[in-house]
Amino acid sequence: MRAVAGDVTVCEVLREVTACDVILSCTDSHASRAALNRLPYQYGIPLLDVGTLLRGKQGAVRDAYVEWRLVTPDRGCLRYQGALDPERIREELLSTDERAQLEPYGSAPGIRMPAPSVLPVNASVCRSRPFGSSTSWSRGSSGMTALPSNCAHCRSLSGRR
C-alpha cells in the first residue's frame, strides 16, 4: 500500500495517483473529487470515494453517517452519483485574485469553514467494511453494471457519445 500526499488538483500529484491499483478518496473538496473522478475512465483504476459526516452536540459525536461511491469505467461517475457540484468546483478553483475581482459584484463565493478531519473515521470504516461481489472490481476487469446511458458527463469521460 502506498499513500500519495498532496493536492490532486495539481497535475504532478495527480500523475502519481495513476500508478496506484485502487484509489481511496477521502477528500472534502469537490475540485479534488472531480480530478480523481476522471481516473477510472482514463486509466481503468477503480475509485472508492468515502465521505463521512459527523454531527455533534456539546462536544460529543451524536450521529455519524458514511457514504460509499464506487466509480469504475463501467459504472456511473461521481457527478452522476450526486457527489459533485459543478458550481462548488468552480468556486474552489478560483484564485485569490479572481475572488477579489468578483467580490464587488456580489459574485464571490462564500467562505466555507474547514471541516474537522474525518480521515481516521473513514479509514476505520474501510477496514471494517467487507467487500462483497457487488462492490469488488479490479483494474482491467469487466462485467459490472452498465455505464448510465443518461449521464452525458459519464459518456464524455469514457469517450462514448
C-alpha atoms as a PDB file:
ATOM      1  CA  MET A   1       0.000   0.000   0.000  1.00  0.00           C
ATOM      2  CA  ARG A   2       1.260   3.451  -0.897  1.00  0.00           C
ATOM      3  CA  ALA A   3      -0.151   6.813   0.124  1.00  0.00           C
ATOM      4  CA  VAL A   4       0.096   9.785  -2.202  1.00  0.00           C
ATOM      5  CA  ALA A   5       0.172  13.055  -0.286  1.00  0.00           C
ATOM      6  CA  GLY A   6      -0.608  16.361  -1.903  1.00  0.00           C
ATOM      7  CA  ASP A   7      -3.275  18.286  -3.746  1.00  0.00           C
ATOM      8  CA  VAL A   8      -4.638  16.149  -6.602  1.00  0.00           C
ATOM      9  CA  THR A   9      -5.751  19.269  -8.461  1.00  0.00           C
ATOM     10  CA  VAL A  10      -2.013  19.730  -9.170  1.00  0.00           C
ATOM     11  CA  CYS A  11      -1.003  17.710 -12.242  1.00  0.00           C
ATOM     12  CA  GLU A  12       2.218  16.282 -10.769  1.00  0.00           C
ATOM     13  CA  VAL A  13       0.371  14.884  -7.744  1.00  0.00           C
ATOM     14  CA  LEU A  14      -2.487  13.516  -9.861  1.00  0.00           C
ATOM     15  CA  ARG A  15       0.079  11.833 -12.129  1.00  0.00           C
ATOM     16  CA  GLU A  16       1.460   9.977  -9.067  1.00  0.00           C
ATOM     17  CA  VAL A  17      -2.017   8.629  -8.315  1.00  0.00           C
ATOM     18  CA  THR A  18      -2.188   6.976 -11.763  1.00  0.00           C
ATOM     19  CA  ALA A  19       0.428   4.449 -10.587  1.00  0.00           C
ATOM     20  CA  CYS A  20      -1.986   3.089  -7.956  1.00  0.00           C
ATOM     21  CA  ASP A  21      -4.097  -0.049  -8.405  1.00  0.00           C
ATOM     22  CA  VAL A  22      -7.034   1.354  -6.400  1.00  0.00           C
ATOM     23  CA  ILE A  23      -7.792   4.905  -5.319  1.00  0.00           C
ATOM     24  CA  LEU A  24      -9.356   5.541  -1.917  1.00  0.00           C
ATOM     25  CA  SER A  25     -10.649   9.106  -1.909  1.00  0.00           C
ATOM     26  CA  CYS A  26     -11.490  10.691   1.440  1.00  0.00           C
ATOM     27  CA  THR A  27     -11.447  14.320   0.311  1.00  0.00           C
ATOM     28  CA  ASP A  28     -13.816  17.101   1.332  1.00  0.00           C
ATOM     29  CA  SER A  29     -13.094  19.155  -1.788  1.00  0.00           C
ATOM     30  CA  HIS A  30     -15.326  18.917  -4.852  1.00  0.00           C
ATOM     31  CA  ALA A  31     -12.401  20.094  -7.025  1.00  0.00           C
ATOM     32  CA  SER A  32     -10.196  17.207  -5.886  1.00  0.00           C
ATOM     33  CA  ARG A  33     -13.088  14.740  -6.255  1.00  0.00           C
ATOM     34  CA  ALA A  34     -13.598  15.995  -9.835  1.00  0.00           C
ATOM     35  CA  ALA A  35      -9.907  15.455 -10.638  1.00  0.00           C
ATOM     36  CA  LEU A  36      -9.986  11.895  -9.253  1.00  0.00           C
ATOM     37  CA  ASN A  37     -13.308  11.192 -10.994  1.00  0.00           C
ATOM     38  CA  ARG A  38     -11.559  11.098 -14.385  1.00  0.00           C
ATOM     39  CA  LEU A  39      -9.029   8.385 -13.496  1.00  0.00           C
ATOM     40  CA  PRO A  40     -11.311   5.326 -13.635  1.00  0.00           C
ATOM     41  CA  TYR A  41     -12.242   6.258 -17.210  1.00  0.00           C
ATOM     42  CA  GLN A  42      -8.807   7.348 -18.402  1.00  0.00           C
ATOM     43  CA  TYR A  43      -6.646   4.737 -16.645  1.00  0.00           C
ATOM     44  CA  GLY A  44      -9.025   1.945 -15.598  1.00  0.00           C
ATOM     45  CA  ILE A  45      -8.244   2.498 -11.914  1.00  0.00           C
ATOM     46  CA  PRO A  46     -11.209   1.884  -9.584  1.00  0.00           C
ATOM     47  CA  LEU A  47     -12.059   4.819  -7.311  1.00  0.00           C
ATOM     48  CA  LEU A  48     -13.733   4.348  -3.956  1.00  0.00           C
ATOM     49  CA  ASP A  49     -14.944   7.697  -2.666  1.00  0.00           C
ATOM     50  CA  VAL A  50     -15.756   7.658   1.046  1.00  0.00           C
ATOM     51  CA  GLY A  51     -17.464  10.535   2.793  1.00  0.00           C
ATOM     52  CA  THR A  52     -18.238  10.827   6.485  1.00  0.00           C
ATOM     53  CA  LEU A  53     -20.497  13.314   8.223  1.00  0.00           C
ATOM     54  CA  LEU A  54     -20.217  13.645  11.988  1.00  0.00           C
ATOM     55  CA  ARG A  55     -22.807  15.584  13.925  1.00  0.00           C
ATOM     56  CA  GLY A  56     -22.179  16.620  17.474  1.00  0.00           C
ATOM     57  CA  LYS A  57     -23.798  18.265  20.406  1.00  0.00           C
ATOM     58  CA  GLN A  58     -21.994  19.795  23.375  1.00  0.00           C
ATOM     59  CA  GLY A  59     -18.628  18.475  22.226  1.00  0.00           C
ATOM     60  CA  ALA A  60     -19.708  14.851  21.730  1.00  0.00           C
ATOM     61  CA  VAL A  61     -20.406  12.991  18.488  1.00  0.00           C
ATOM     62  CA  ARG A  62     -24.103  12.112  18.340  1.00  0.00           C
ATOM     63  CA  ASP A  63     -24.505  10.835  14.779  1.00  0.00           C
ATOM     64  CA  ALA A  64     -22.152   9.516  12.124  1.00  0.00           C
ATOM     65  CA  TYR A  65     -23.032   8.889   8.501  1.00  0.00           C
ATOM     66  CA  VAL A  66     -20.837   7.220   5.891  1.00  0.00           C
ATOM     67  CA  GLU A  67     -21.386   7.277   2.132  1.00  0.00           C
ATOM     68  CA  TRP A  68     -19.570   4.971  -0.284  1.00  0.00           C
ATOM     69  CA  ARG A  69     -19.342   5.586  -4.000  1.00  0.00           C
ATOM     70  CA  LEU A  70     -17.584   3.214  -6.374  1.00  0.00           C
ATOM     71  CA  VAL A  71     -16.505   4.568  -9.757  1.00  0.00           C
ATOM     72  CA  THR A  72     -15.172   2.231 -12.451  1.00  0.00           C
ATOM     73  CA  PRO A  73     -15.110   2.502 -16.252  1.00  0.00           C
ATOM     74  CA  ASP A  74     -18.395   0.569 -16.321  1.00  0.00           C
ATOM     75  CA  ARG A  75     -20.225   2.493 -13.572  1.00  0.00           C
ATOM     76  CA  GLY A  76     -21.582   5.993 -13.094  1.00  0.00           C
ATOM     77  CA  CYS A  77     -19.229   8.876 -12.362  1.00  0.00           C
ATOM     78  CA  LEU A  78     -19.316  10.913  -9.139  1.00  0.00           C
ATOM     79  CA  ARG A  79     -21.392  13.608 -10.826  1.00  0.00           C
ATOM     80  CA  TYR A  80     -23.972  11.009 -11.874  1.00  0.00           C
ATOM     81  CA  GLN A  81     -23.978   9.692  -8.291  1.00  0.00           C
ATOM     82  CA  GLY A  82     -24.712  13.190  -6.947  1.00  0.00           C
ATOM     83  CA  ALA A  83     -21.333  13.744  -5.284  1.00  0.00           C
ATOM     84  CA  LEU A  84     -20.108  16.632  -7.449  1.00  0.00           C
ATOM     85  CA  ASP A  85     -21.468  20.167  -7.616  1.00  0.00           C
ATOM     86  CA  PRO A  86     -20.111  21.998 -10.714  1.00  0.00           C
ATOM     87  CA  GLU A  87     -20.648  25.420  -9.112  1.00  0.00           C
ATOM     88  CA  ARG A  88     -18.721  24.411  -5.994  1.00  0.00           C
ATOM     89  CA  ILE A  89     -15.887  23.044  -8.174  1.00  0.00           C
ATOM     90  CA  ARG A  90     -15.689  26.436  -9.917  1.00  0.00           C
ATOM     91  CA  GLU A  91     -15.671  28.252  -6.567  1.00  0.00           C
ATOM     92  CA  GLU A  92     -12.928  26.060  -5.127  1.00  0.00           C
ATOM     93  CA  LEU A  93     -10.676  26.572  -8.153  1.00  0.00           C
ATOM     94  CA  LEU A  94     -10.877  30.392  -8.162  1.00  0.00           C
ATOM     95  CA  SER A  95      -7.592  32.130  -7.431  1.00  0.00           C
ATOM     96  CA  THR A  96      -7.371  34.808  -4.733  1.00  0.00           C
ATOM     97  CA  ASP A  97      -7.267  37.470  -7.465  1.00  0.00           C
ATOM     98  CA  GLU A  98     -10.371  36.060  -9.176  1.00  0.00           C
ATOM     99  CA  ARG A  99     -12.243  36.071  -5.874  1.00  0.00           C
ATOM    100  CA  ALA A 100     -11.258  39.692  -5.266  1.00  0.00           C
ATOM    101  CA  GLN A 101     -12.443  40.697  -8.771  1.00  0.00           C
ATOM    102  CA  LEU A 102     -15.845  39.062  -8.234  1.00  0.00           C
ATOM    103  CA  GLU A 103     -16.426  40.486  -4.747  1.00  0.00           C
ATOM    104  CA  PRO A 104     -17.628  43.995  -5.796  1.00  0.00           C
ATOM    105  CA  TYR A 105     -20.299  42.391  -7.987  1.00  0.00           C
ATOM    106  CA  GLY A 106     -21.618  40.150  -5.204  1.00  0.00           C
ATOM    107  CA  SER A 107     -20.468  37.087  -7.117  1.00  0.00           C
ATOM    108  CA  ALA A 108     -17.643  35.988  -4.842  1.00  0.00           C
ATOM    109  CA  PRO A 109     -18.285  32.574  -3.355  1.00  0.00           C
ATOM    110  CA  GLY A 110     -18.945  32.349   0.346  1.00  0.00           C
ATOM    111  CA  ILE A 111     -16.238  31.274   2.711  1.00  0.00           C
ATOM    112  CA  ARG A 112     -16.521  27.624   3.621  1.00  0.00           C
ATOM    113  CA  MET A 113     -15.379  26.762   7.094  1.00  0.00           C
ATOM    114  CA  PRO A 114     -12.898  23.893   7.286  1.00  0.00           C
ATOM    115  CA  ALA A 115     -14.445  20.666   8.474  1.00  0.00           C
ATOM    116  CA  PRO A 116     -12.776  18.573  11.156  1.00  0.00           C
ATOM    117  CA  SER A 117     -10.673  15.713   9.846  1.00  0.00           C
ATOM    118  CA  VAL A 118     -12.661  12.521   9.477  1.00  0.00           C
ATOM    119  CA  LEU A 119      -9.855  10.565   7.814  1.00  0.00           C
ATOM    120  CA  PRO A 120      -9.388   8.268  10.858  1.00  0.00           C
ATOM    121  CA  VAL A 121     -13.122   7.509  10.794  1.00  0.00           C
ATOM    122  CA  ASN A 122     -13.038   6.845   7.036  1.00  0.00           C
ATOM    123  CA  ALA A 123     -10.027   4.554   7.416  1.00  0.00           C
ATOM    124  CA  SER A 124     -11.707   2.635  10.227  1.00  0.00           C
ATOM    125  CA  VAL A 125     -14.857   2.163   8.165  1.00  0.00           C
ATOM    126  CA  CYS A 126     -12.815   0.994   5.168  1.00  0.00           C
ATOM    127  CA  ARG A 127     -11.020  -1.607   7.280  1.00  0.00           C
ATOM    128  CA  SER A 128     -14.231  -2.984   8.725  1.00  0.00           C
ATOM    129  CA  ARG A 129     -16.365  -2.951   5.547  1.00  0.00           C
ATOM    130  CA  PRO A 130     -16.360  -6.359   3.880  1.00  0.00           C
ATOM    131  CA  PHE A 131     -16.335  -6.106   0.103  1.00  0.00           C
ATOM    132  CA  GLY A 132     -18.863  -8.414  -1.498  1.00  0.00           C
ATOM    133  CA  SER A 133     -19.167  -9.309  -5.150  1.00  0.00           C
ATOM    134  CA  SER A 134     -21.350  -6.278  -5.764  1.00  0.00           C
ATOM    135  CA  THR A 135     -18.522  -3.906  -4.855  1.00  0.00           C
ATOM    136  CA  SER A 136     -15.433  -5.811  -5.938  1.00  0.00           C
ATOM    137  CA  TRP A 137     -13.627  -4.679  -9.037  1.00  0.00           C
ATOM    138  CA  SER A 138     -10.066  -4.852 -10.229  1.00  0.00           C
ATOM    139  CA  ARG A 139      -8.118  -2.896 -12.787  1.00  0.00           C
ATOM    140  CA  GLY A 140      -8.964  -4.233 -16.244  1.00  0.00           C
ATOM    141  CA  SER A 141     -11.987  -6.287 -15.175  1.00  0.00           C
ATOM    142  CA  SER A 142     -15.367  -6.033 -16.834  1.00  0.00           C
ATOM    143  CA  GLY A 143     -18.919  -7.223 -16.445  1.00  0.00           C
ATOM    144  CA  MET A 144     -20.081  -4.634 -13.910  1.00  0.00           C
ATOM    145  CA  THR A 145     -23.241  -2.565 -14.120  1.00  0.00           C
ATOM    146  CA  ALA A 146     -23.606  -0.855 -17.491  1.00  0.00           C
ATOM    147  CA  LEU A 147     -22.481   2.741 -17.815  1.00  0.00           C
ATOM    148  CA  PRO A 148     -25.501   5.004 -17.306  1.00  0.00           C
ATOM    149  CA  SER A 149     -26.680   6.000 -20.772  1.00  0.00           C
ATOM    150  CA  ASN A 150     -28.463   9.105 -19.477  1.00  0.00           C
ATOM    151  CA  CYS A 151     -25.378  10.771 -17.962  1.00  0.00           C
ATOM    152  CA  ALA A 152     -23.636  12.968 -20.540  1.00  0.00           C
ATOM    153  CA  HIS A 153     -20.733  13.511 -18.102  1.00  0.00           C
ATOM    154  CA  CYS A 154     -20.106   9.732 -17.781  1.00  0.00           C
ATOM    155  CA  ARG A 155     -20.225   9.342 -21.565  1.00  0.00           C
ATOM    156  CA  SER A 156     -17.787  12.232 -22.119  1.00  0.00           C
ATOM    157  CA  LEU A 157     -15.332  10.866 -19.519  1.00  0.00           C
ATOM    158  CA  SER A 158     -15.367   7.413 -21.102  1.00  0.00           C
ATOM    159  CA  GLY A 159     -15.145   8.761 -24.664  1.00  0.00           C
ATOM    160  CA  ARG A 160     -18.587   7.361 -25.509  1.00  0.00           C
ATOM    161  CA  ARG A 161     -21.187   9.579 -27.152  1.00  0.00           C
END
